[in-house]
C-alpha atoms as a PDB file:
ATOM      1  CA  MET A   1     -76.713 -24.994 -53.772  1.00  0.00           C
ATOM      2  CA  PRO A   2     -73.732 -26.807 -55.366  1.00  0.00           C
ATOM      3  CA  LEU A   3     -71.897 -23.461 -55.579  1.00  0.00           C
ATOM      4  CA  PHE A   4     -72.321 -22.938 -51.837  1.00  0.00           C
ATOM      5  CA  ASN A   5     -71.038 -26.471 -51.107  1.00  0.00           C
ATOM      6  CA  SER A   6     -67.962 -25.880 -53.245  1.00  0.00           C
ATOM      7  CA  GLN A   7     -67.237 -22.576 -51.529  1.00  0.00           C
ATOM      8  CA  GLN A   8     -67.600 -24.196 -48.099  1.00  0.00           C
ATOM      9  CA  GLN A   9     -65.102 -26.930 -49.054  1.00  0.00           C
ATOM     10  CA  ASN A  10     -62.646 -24.293 -50.327  1.00  0.00           C
ATOM     11  CA  ASP A  11     -62.955 -22.375 -47.048  1.00  0.00           C
ATOM     12  CA  ARG A  12     -62.348 -25.569 -45.093  1.00  0.00           C
ATOM     13  CA  GLY A  13     -59.260 -26.365 -47.175  1.00  0.00           C
ATOM     14  CA  ALA A  14     -57.895 -22.849 -46.724  1.00  0.00           C
ATOM     15  CA  ARG A  15     -58.473 -23.085 -42.968  1.00  0.00           C
ATOM     16  CA  TRP A  16     -56.500 -26.344 -42.744  1.00  0.00           C
ATOM     17  CA  ARG A  17     -53.680 -24.888 -44.834  1.00  0.00           C
ATOM     18  CA  GLY A  18     -53.547 -21.913 -42.481  1.00  0.00           C
ATOM     19  CA  ILE A  19     -53.454 -24.179 -39.446  1.00  0.00           C
ATOM     20  CA  ALA A  20     -50.685 -26.291 -40.997  1.00  0.00           C
ATOM     21  CA  ALA A  21     -48.648 -23.170 -41.838  1.00  0.00           C
ATOM     22  CA  THR A  22     -49.070 -21.894 -38.276  1.00  0.00           C
ATOM     23  CA  VAL A  23     -47.899 -25.217 -36.835  1.00  0.00           C
ATOM     24  CA  VAL A  24     -44.842 -25.250 -39.108  1.00  0.00           C
ATOM     25  CA  VAL A  25     -43.877 -21.693 -38.107  1.00  0.00           C
ATOM     26  CA  GLU A  26     -44.363 -22.498 -34.412  1.00  0.00           C
ATOM     27  CA  LEU A  27     -42.139 -25.576 -34.735  1.00  0.00           C
ATOM     28  CA  LEU A  28     -39.421 -23.572 -36.501  1.00  0.00           C
ATOM     29  CA  VAL A  29     -39.514 -20.913 -33.786  1.00  0.00           C
ATOM     30  CA  LEU A  30     -39.382 -23.615 -31.109  1.00  0.00           C
ATOM     31  CA  LEU A  31     -36.366 -25.241 -32.763  1.00  0.00           C
ATOM     32  CA  ALA A  32     -34.601 -21.889 -33.089  1.00  0.00           C
ATOM     33  CA  LEU A  33     -35.201 -21.125 -29.406  1.00  0.00           C
ATOM     34  CA  ALA A  34     -34.050 -24.600 -28.360  1.00  0.00           C
ATOM     35  CA  PHE A  35     -30.863 -24.186 -30.404  1.00  0.00           C
ATOM     36  CA  ALA A  36     -30.246 -20.753 -28.895  1.00  0.00           C
ATOM     37  CA  VAL A  37     -30.734 -22.037 -25.337  1.00  0.00           C
ATOM     38  CA  VAL A  38     -28.500 -25.073 -25.842  1.00  0.00           C
ATOM     39  CA  SER A  39     -25.821 -22.913 -27.475  1.00  0.00           C
ATOM     40  CA  TYR A  40     -25.992 -20.405 -24.623  1.00  0.00           C
ATOM     41  CA  VAL A  41     -25.699 -23.128 -21.987  1.00  0.00           C
ATOM     42  CA  GLU A  42     -22.681 -24.622 -23.772  1.00  0.00           C
ATOM     43  CA  TRP A  43     -21.054 -21.218 -24.094  1.00  0.00           C
ATOM     44  CA  SER A  44     -21.674 -20.236 -20.481  1.00  0.00           C
ATOM     45  CA  SER A  45     -20.334 -23.586 -19.321  1.00  0.00           C
ATOM     46  CA  ASP A  46     -17.151 -23.087 -21.363  1.00  0.00           C
ATOM     47  CA  ALA A  47     -16.795 -19.532 -20.073  1.00  0.00           C
ATOM     48  CA  ALA A  48     -17.285 -20.623 -16.461  1.00  0.00           C
ATOM     49  CA  LEU A  49     -14.685 -23.369 -16.872  1.00  0.00           C
ATOM     50  CA  ALA A  50     -12.179 -20.929 -18.376  1.00  0.00           C
ATOM     51  CA  GLU A  51     -12.810 -18.461 -15.553  1.00  0.00           C
ATOM     52  CA  PHE A  52     -12.439 -21.202 -12.965  1.00  0.00           C
ATOM     53  CA  MET A  53      -9.215 -22.454 -14.522  1.00  0.00           C
ATOM     54  CA  SER A  54      -7.707 -18.958 -14.588  1.00  0.00           C
ATOM     55  CA  ALA A  55      -8.736 -18.307 -10.974  1.00  0.00           C
ATOM     56  CA  THR A  56      -7.251 -21.530  -9.612  1.00  0.00           C
ATOM     57  CA  GLU A  57      -3.613 -20.976 -10.524  1.00  0.00           C
ATOM     58  CA  PRO A  58      -1.376 -22.922  -8.118  1.00  0.00           C
ATOM     59  CA  SER A  59       1.086 -20.995  -5.982  1.00  0.00           C
ATOM     60  CA  ALA A  60       4.671 -20.466  -7.150  1.00  0.00           C
ATOM     61  CA  SER A  61       5.932 -22.531  -4.216  1.00  0.00           C
ATOM     62  CA  ASP A  62       4.197 -25.680  -5.532  1.00  0.00           C
ATOM     63  CA  PRO A  63       6.987 -28.057  -6.698  1.00  0.00           C
ATOM     64  CA  ASN A  64       4.611 -29.958  -9.041  1.00  0.00           C
ATOM     65  CA  HIS A  65       3.516 -26.813 -10.880  1.00  0.00           C
ATOM     66  CA  SER A  66       4.709 -26.813 -14.483  1.00  0.00           C
ATOM     67  CA  GLY A  67       3.252 -23.380 -15.344  1.00  0.00           C
ATOM     68  CA  LYS A  68       0.833 -24.810 -17.928  1.00  0.00           C
ATOM     69  CA  PHE A  69      -2.831 -25.665 -17.736  1.00  0.00           C
ATOM     70  CA  SER A  70      -3.996 -29.111 -18.685  1.00  0.00           C
ATOM     71  CA  THR A  71      -6.747 -27.625 -20.867  1.00  0.00           C
ATOM     72  CA  PRO A  72      -5.924 -24.674 -23.127  1.00  0.00           C
ATOM     73  CA  THR A  73      -8.311 -21.738 -23.293  1.00  0.00           C
ATOM     74  CA  HIS A  74      -9.038 -19.724 -26.421  1.00  0.00           C
ATOM     75  CA  PRO A  75     -10.540 -16.365 -25.373  1.00  0.00           C
ATOM     76  CA  ALA A  76     -10.706 -14.923 -28.924  1.00  0.00           C
ATOM     77  CA  LYS A  77     -12.633 -17.918 -30.251  1.00  0.00           C
ATOM     78  CA  ALA A  78     -14.892 -17.946 -27.179  1.00  0.00           C
ATOM     79  CA  ARG A  79     -15.719 -14.270 -27.717  1.00  0.00           C
ATOM     80  CA  ALA A  80     -16.582 -14.853 -31.387  1.00  0.00           C
ATOM     81  CA  ASP A  81     -18.779 -17.820 -30.441  1.00  0.00           C
ATOM     82  CA  CYS A  82     -20.462 -15.685 -27.790  1.00  0.00           C
ATOM     83  CA  ASP A  83     -21.233 -12.916 -30.281  1.00  0.00           C
ATOM     84  CA  ARG A  84     -22.656 -15.423 -32.772  1.00  0.00           C
ATOM     85  CA  ARG A  85     -24.839 -17.073 -30.139  1.00  0.00           C
ATOM     86  CA  VAL A  86     -26.121 -13.747 -28.863  1.00  0.00           C
ATOM     87  CA  GLU A  87     -27.061 -12.815 -32.433  1.00  0.00           C
ATOM     88  CA  LEU A  88     -28.907 -16.127 -32.865  1.00  0.00           C
ATOM     89  CA  LEU A  89     -30.747 -15.654 -29.583  1.00  0.00           C
ATOM     90  CA  HIS A  90     -31.708 -12.112 -30.595  1.00  0.00           C
ATOM     91  CA  LEU A  91     -32.932 -13.371 -33.980  1.00  0.00           C
ATOM     92  CA  ALA A  92     -35.037 -16.083 -32.349  1.00  0.00           C
ATOM     93  CA  ILE A  93     -36.608 -13.649 -29.876  1.00  0.00           C
ATOM     94  CA  THR A  94     -37.284 -11.093 -32.613  1.00  0.00           C
ATOM     95  CA  THR A  95     -38.870 -13.768 -34.808  1.00  0.00           C
ATOM     96  CA  LEU A  96     -41.050 -14.898 -31.929  1.00  0.00           C
ATOM     97  CA  ALA A  97     -42.103 -11.317 -31.150  1.00  0.00           C
ATOM     98  CA  ILE A  98     -42.961 -10.625 -34.792  1.00  0.00           C
ATOM     99  CA  TYR A  99     -44.887 -13.883 -35.138  1.00  0.00           C
ATOM    100  CA  HIS A 100     -47.037 -13.252 -32.064  1.00  0.00           C
ATOM    101  CA  ALA A 101     -47.642  -9.566 -32.865  1.00  0.00           C
END
């Protein structure tokens, strides 16, 4: 009987370790998804602002127009940030799909 008790305690310990590992993985996936969403929202906001600024050029007849925008845009940097964020989002989704498979 003591052998059975010991085995039951080992099974219980292994079960709790498995539950703890599952919770840790779920939290990591949740954090990765949250980071990807926040990064995407920031990027899309920056892209929308740049598009808006380029679309609202004042007319040439405006005497107050200096020909320069008040906020500079950096399309090359924005594109690199976009690619990086898309890769992170893809990684997070792939990780989630693998974990739940």
